[in-house]
PDB file of all heavy atoms in Angstrom:
ATOM      1  N   GLY A   1     -17.479 -30.070  74.261  1.00  0.00           N
ATOM      2  CA  GLY A   1     -17.277 -29.138  73.216  1.00  0.00           C
ATOM      3  C   GLY A   1     -18.504 -28.605  72.562  1.00  0.00           C
ATOM      4  O   GLY A   1     -18.477 -27.851  71.606  1.00  0.00           O
ATOM      5  N   THR A   2     -19.651 -29.007  73.091  1.00  0.00           N
ATOM      6  CA  THR A   2     -20.959 -28.662  72.586  1.00  0.00           C
ATOM      7  C   THR A   2     -22.000 -28.929  73.667  1.00  0.00           C
ATOM      8  O   THR A   2     -21.725 -29.595  74.704  1.00  0.00           O
ATOM      9  CB  THR A   2     -21.329 -29.464  71.305  1.00  0.00           C
ATOM     10  OG1 THR A   2     -22.516 -29.025  70.763  1.00  0.00           O
ATOM     11  CG2 THR A   2     -21.479 -30.924  71.667  1.00  0.00           C
ATOM     12  N   LEU A   3     -23.214 -28.419  73.434  1.00  0.00           N
ATOM     13  CA  LEU A   3     -24.277 -28.775  74.425  1.00  0.00           C
ATOM     14  C   LEU A   3     -24.651 -30.177  74.227  1.00  0.00           C
ATOM     15  O   LEU A   3     -24.704 -30.762  73.188  1.00  0.00           O
ATOM     16  CB  LEU A   3     -25.486 -27.880  74.133  1.00  0.00           C
ATOM     17  CG  LEU A   3     -25.385 -26.418  74.341  1.00  0.00           C
ATOM     18  CD1 LEU A   3     -26.608 -25.648  73.919  1.00  0.00           C
ATOM     19  CD2 LEU A   3     -25.031 -26.117  75.842  1.00  0.00           C
ATOM     20  N   LYS A   4     -24.981 -30.849  75.324  1.00  0.00           N
ATOM     21  CA  LYS A   4     -25.371 -32.212  75.319  1.00  0.00           C
ATOM     22  C   LYS A   4     -26.662 -32.365  74.538  1.00  0.00           C
ATOM     23  O   LYS A   4     -27.616 -31.582  74.765  1.00  0.00           O
ATOM     24  CB  LYS A   4     -25.608 -32.688  76.795  1.00  0.00           C
ATOM     25  CG  LYS A   4     -26.021 -34.140  76.948  1.00  0.00           C
ATOM     26  CD  LYS A   4     -26.264 -34.488  78.402  1.00  0.00           C
ATOM     27  CE  LYS A   4     -26.778 -35.871  78.583  1.00  0.00           C
ATOM     28  NZ  LYS A   4     -25.805 -36.873  78.150  1.00  0.00           N
ATOM     29  N   ASN A   5     -26.731 -33.329  73.642  1.00  0.00           N
ATOM     30  CA  ASN A   5     -27.856 -33.555  72.795  1.00  0.00           C
ATOM     31  C   ASN A   5     -28.051 -35.053  72.525  1.00  0.00           C
ATOM     32  O   ASN A   5     -27.386 -35.610  71.598  1.00  0.00           O
ATOM     33  CB  ASN A   5     -27.747 -32.761  71.528  1.00  0.00           C
ATOM     34  CG  ASN A   5     -29.111 -32.704  70.722  1.00  0.00           C
ATOM     35  OD1 ASN A   5     -29.690 -33.738  70.583  1.00  0.00           O
ATOM     36  ND2 ASN A   5     -29.472 -31.551  70.230  1.00  0.00           N
ATOM     37  N   THR A   6     -28.793 -35.731  73.331  1.00  0.00           N
ATOM     38  CA  THR A   6     -28.934 -37.180  73.239  1.00  0.00           C
ATOM     39  C   THR A   6     -29.552 -37.612  71.885  1.00  0.00           C
ATOM     40  O   THR A   6     -29.150 -38.642  71.267  1.00  0.00           O
ATOM     41  CB  THR A   6     -29.770 -37.696  74.355  1.00  0.00           C
ATOM     42  OG1 THR A   6     -29.304 -37.290  75.638  1.00  0.00           O
ATOM     43  CG2 THR A   6     -29.840 -39.253  74.295  1.00  0.00           C
ATOM     44  N   GLN A   7     -30.446 -36.823  71.326  1.00  0.00           N
ATOM     45  CA  GLN A   7     -31.132 -37.155  70.048  1.00  0.00           C
ATOM     46  C   GLN A   7     -30.083 -37.088  68.951  1.00  0.00           C
ATOM     47  O   GLN A   7     -30.061 -38.057  68.009  1.00  0.00           O
ATOM     48  CB  GLN A   7     -32.243 -36.209  69.765  1.00  0.00           C
ATOM     49  CG  GLN A   7     -33.470 -36.396  70.668  1.00  0.00           C
ATOM     50  CD  GLN A   7     -33.407 -35.587  71.964  1.00  0.00           C
ATOM     51  OE1 GLN A   7     -32.350 -35.120  72.290  1.00  0.00           O
ATOM     52  NE2 GLN A   7     -34.537 -35.377  72.546  1.00  0.00           N
ATOM     53  N   ARG A   8     -29.202 -36.117  68.893  1.00  0.00           N
ATOM     54  CA  ARG A   8     -28.198 -36.024  67.865  1.00  0.00           C
ATOM     55  C   ARG A   8     -27.148 -37.123  68.062  1.00  0.00           C
ATOM     56  O   ARG A   8     -26.659 -37.681  67.059  1.00  0.00           O
ATOM     57  CB  ARG A   8     -27.565 -34.644  67.871  1.00  0.00           C
ATOM     58  CG  ARG A   8     -28.334 -33.533  67.256  1.00  0.00           C
ATOM     59  CD  ARG A   8     -27.569 -32.292  67.165  1.00  0.00           C
ATOM     60  NE  ARG A   8     -28.386 -31.155  66.596  1.00  0.00           N
ATOM     61  CZ  ARG A   8     -27.928 -29.968  66.413  1.00  0.00           C
ATOM     62  NH1 ARG A   8     -26.678 -29.649  66.636  1.00  0.00           N
ATOM     63  NH2 ARG A   8     -28.731 -29.014  65.949  1.00  0.00           N
ATOM     64  N   ALA A   9     -26.812 -37.414  69.288  1.00  0.00           N
ATOM     65  CA  ALA A   9     -25.896 -38.483  69.609  1.00  0.00           C
ATOM     66  C   ALA A   9     -26.468 -39.735  68.974  1.00  0.00           C
ATOM     67  O   ALA A   9     -25.750 -40.526  68.264  1.00  0.00           O
ATOM     68  CB  ALA A   9     -25.670 -38.540  71.080  1.00  0.00           C
ATOM     69  N   TYR A  10     -27.680 -40.013  69.238  1.00  0.00           N
ATOM     70  CA  TYR A  10     -28.253 -41.287  68.775  1.00  0.00           C
ATOM     71  C   TYR A  10     -28.274 -41.252  67.230  1.00  0.00           C
ATOM     72  O   TYR A  10     -27.947 -42.316  66.643  1.00  0.00           O
ATOM     73  CB  TYR A  10     -29.784 -41.369  69.251  1.00  0.00           C
ATOM     74  CG  TYR A  10     -30.480 -42.613  68.887  1.00  0.00           C
ATOM     75  CD1 TYR A  10     -30.544 -43.734  69.755  1.00  0.00           C
ATOM     76  CD2 TYR A  10     -31.170 -42.695  67.633  1.00  0.00           C
ATOM     77  CE1 TYR A  10     -31.218 -44.830  69.482  1.00  0.00           C
ATOM     78  CE2 TYR A  10     -31.744 -43.778  67.362  1.00  0.00           C
ATOM     79  CZ  TYR A  10     -31.868 -44.952  68.152  1.00  0.00           C
ATOM     80  OH  TYR A  10     -32.581 -46.020  67.865  1.00  0.00           O
ATOM     81  N   ALA A  11     -28.587 -40.180  66.611  1.00  0.00           N
ATOM     82  CA  ALA A  11     -28.671 -40.162  65.148  1.00  0.00           C
ATOM     83  C   ALA A  11     -27.377 -40.390  64.502  1.00  0.00           C
ATOM     84  O   ALA A  11     -27.162 -41.066  63.541  1.00  0.00           O
ATOM     85  CB  ALA A  11     -29.203 -38.795  64.636  1.00  0.00           C
ATOM     86  N   TRP A  12     -26.269 -39.802  65.087  1.00  0.00           N
ATOM     87  CA  TRP A  12     -24.915 -40.007  64.566  1.00  0.00           C
ATOM     88  C   TRP A  12     -24.432 -41.438  64.846  1.00  0.00           C
ATOM     89  O   TRP A  12     -23.750 -42.072  63.990  1.00  0.00           O
ATOM     90  CB  TRP A  12     -23.951 -39.026  65.146  1.00  0.00           C
ATOM     91  CG  TRP A  12     -24.040 -37.647  64.524  1.00  0.00           C
ATOM     92  CD1 TRP A  12     -24.267 -36.463  65.116  1.00  0.00           C
ATOM     93  CD2 TRP A  12     -23.850 -37.305  63.139  1.00  0.00           C
ATOM     94  NE1 TRP A  12     -24.271 -35.404  64.134  1.00  0.00           N
ATOM     95  CE2 TRP A  12     -24.013 -36.015  62.965  1.00  0.00           C
ATOM     96  CE3 TRP A  12     -23.629 -38.087  61.950  1.00  0.00           C
ATOM     97  CZ2 TRP A  12     -23.952 -35.274  61.734  1.00  0.00           C
ATOM     98  CZ3 TRP A  12     -23.545 -37.437  60.716  1.00  0.00           C
ATOM     99  CH2 TRP A  12     -23.743 -36.053  60.610  1.00  0.00           C
ATOM    100  N   PHE A  13     -24.811 -41.968  65.991  1.00  0.00           N
ATOM    101  CA  PHE A  13     -24.497 -43.392  66.288  1.00  0.00           C
ATOM    102  C   PHE A  13     -25.173 -44.283  65.229  1.00  0.00           C
ATOM    103  O   PHE A  13     -24.536 -45.286  64.702  1.00  0.00           O
ATOM    104  CB  PHE A  13     -24.968 -43.823  67.620  1.00  0.00           C
ATOM    105  CG  PHE A  13     -24.008 -43.554  68.730  1.00  0.00           C
ATOM    106  CD1 PHE A  13     -24.582 -42.999  69.978  1.00  0.00           C
ATOM    107  CD2 PHE A  13     -22.667 -43.791  68.653  1.00  0.00           C
ATOM    108  CE1 PHE A  13     -23.708 -42.685  71.018  1.00  0.00           C
ATOM    109  CE2 PHE A  13     -21.832 -43.479  69.811  1.00  0.00           C
ATOM    110  CZ  PHE A  13     -22.325 -42.942  70.908  1.00  0.00           C
ATOM    111  N   VAL A  14     -26.354 -44.018  64.845  1.00  0.00           N
ATOM    112  CA  VAL A  14     -27.053 -44.745  63.855  1.00  0.00           C
ATOM    113  C   VAL A  14     -26.340 -44.695  62.500  1.00  0.00           C
ATOM    114  O   VAL A  14     -26.196 -45.735  61.815  1.00  0.00           O
ATOM    115  CB  VAL A  14     -28.500 -44.308  63.684  1.00  0.00           C
ATOM    116  CG1 VAL A  14     -29.216 -44.889  62.387  1.00  0.00           C
ATOM    117  CG2 VAL A  14     -29.372 -44.688  64.826  1.00  0.00           C
ATOM    118  N   CYS A  15     -25.868 -43.529  62.093  1.00  0.00           N
ATOM    119  CA  CYS A  15     -25.106 -43.359  60.826  1.00  0.00           C
ATOM    120  C   CYS A  15     -23.869 -44.219  60.910  1.00  0.00           C
ATOM    121  O   CYS A  15     -23.586 -44.875  59.863  1.00  0.00           O
ATOM    122  CB  CYS A  15     -24.807 -41.919  60.604  1.00  0.00           C
ATOM    123  SG  CYS A  15     -26.221 -40.886  60.246  1.00  0.00           S
ATOM    124  N   ALA A  16     -23.070 -44.130  62.024  1.00  0.00           N
ATOM    125  CA  ALA A  16     -21.879 -44.909  62.061  1.00  0.00           C
ATOM    126  C   ALA A  16     -22.176 -46.397  62.088  1.00  0.00           C
ATOM    127  O   ALA A  16     -21.470 -47.211  61.493  1.00  0.00           O
ATOM    128  CB  ALA A  16     -21.074 -44.443  63.324  1.00  0.00           C
ATOM    129  N   ALA A  17     -23.222 -46.770  62.770  1.00  0.00           N
ATOM    130  CA  ALA A  17     -23.554 -48.169  62.884  1.00  0.00           C
ATOM    131  C   ALA A  17     -23.960 -48.752  61.540  1.00  0.00           C
ATOM    132  O   ALA A  17     -23.635 -49.866  61.191  1.00  0.00           O
ATOM    133  CB  ALA A  17     -24.771 -48.347  63.891  1.00  0.00           C
ATOM    134  N   ALA A  18     -24.648 -47.905  60.768  1.00  0.00           N
ATOM    135  CA  ALA A  18     -25.135 -48.340  59.422  1.00  0.00           C
ATOM    136  C   ALA A  18     -23.891 -48.615  58.529  1.00  0.00           C
ATOM    137  O   ALA A  18     -23.981 -49.343  57.496  1.00  0.00           O
ATOM    138  CB  ALA A  18     -25.935 -47.243  58.772  1.00  0.00           C
ATOM    139  N   GLN A  19     -22.652 -47.983  58.878  1.00  0.00           N
ATOM    140  CA  GLN A  19     -21.501 -48.200  58.081  1.00  0.00           C
ATOM    141  C   GLN A  19     -20.597 -49.199  58.728  1.00  0.00           C
ATOM    142  O   GLN A  19     -19.431 -49.309  58.372  1.00  0.00           O
ATOM    143  CB  GLN A  19     -20.805 -46.886  57.920  1.00  0.00           C
ATOM    144  CG  GLN A  19     -21.589 -45.887  57.129  1.00  0.00           C
ATOM    145  CD  GLN A  19     -20.686 -44.729  56.626  1.00  0.00           C
ATOM    146  OE1 GLN A  19     -19.996 -44.843  55.651  1.00  0.00           O
ATOM    147  NE2 GLN A  19     -20.904 -43.511  57.264  1.00  0.00           N
ATOM    148  N   GLY A  20     -21.028 -50.022  59.731  1.00  0.00           N
ATOM    149  CA  GLY A  20     -20.376 -51.104  60.245  1.00  0.00           C
ATOM    150  C   GLY A  20     -19.457 -50.831  61.437  1.00  0.00           C
ATOM    151  O   GLY A  20     -18.652 -51.681  61.829  1.00  0.00           O
ATOM    152  N   VAL A  21     -19.580 -49.736  62.098  1.00  0.00           N
ATOM    153  CA  VAL A  21     -18.721 -49.420  63.296  1.00  0.00           C
ATOM    154  C   VAL A  21     -19.423 -50.151  64.508  1.00  0.00           C
ATOM    155  O   VAL A  21     -20.481 -49.830  64.958  1.00  0.00           O
ATOM    156  CB  VAL A  21     -18.692 -47.903  63.582  1.00  0.00           C
ATOM    157  CG1 VAL A  21     -17.867 -47.602  64.805  1.00  0.00           C
ATOM    158  CG2 VAL A  21     -18.063 -47.167  62.346  1.00  0.00           C
ATOM    159  N   GLY A  22     -18.716 -51.126  64.938  1.00  0.00           N
ATOM    160  CA  GLY A  22     -19.248 -51.985  66.027  1.00  0.00           C
ATOM    161  C   GLY A  22     -19.614 -51.306  67.281  1.00  0.00           C
ATOM    162  O   GLY A  22     -20.667 -51.553  67.885  1.00  0.00           O
ATOM    163  N   GLU A  23     -18.739 -50.361  67.676  1.00  0.00           N
ATOM    164  CA  GLU A  23     -19.084 -49.605  68.910  1.00  0.00           C
ATOM    165  C   GLU A  23     -20.288 -48.793  68.813  1.00  0.00           C
ATOM    166  O   GLU A  23     -21.113 -48.712  69.756  1.00  0.00           O
ATOM    167  CB  GLU A  23     -17.870 -48.677  69.278  1.00  0.00           C
ATOM    168  CG  GLU A  23     -16.553 -49.410  69.732  1.00  0.00           C
ATOM    169  CD  GLU A  23     -15.713 -49.814  68.507  1.00  0.00           C
ATOM    170  OE1 GLU A  23     -16.188 -49.775  67.396  1.00  0.00           O
ATOM    171  OE2 GLU A  23     -14.572 -50.151  68.774  1.00  0.00           O
ATOM    172  N   ALA A  24     -20.554 -48.242  67.624  1.00  0.00           N
ATOM    173  CA  ALA A  24     -21.778 -47.541  67.375  1.00  0.00           C
ATOM    174  C   ALA A  24     -22.984 -48.428  67.404  1.00  0.00           C
ATOM    175  O   ALA A  24     -24.016 -48.016  67.932  1.00  0.00           O
ATOM    176  CB  ALA A  24     -21.662 -46.817  66.052  1.00  0.00           C
TER     177      ALA A  24
END
C-alpha cells in the first residue's frame, strides 16, 4: 500500500514497542 521504507518501519516499530507491543 506504500513504497517500502525500512527506516520508517523501524521508527514505527520503536513507537509501538515503547508502548508495550511485544511483537514490535
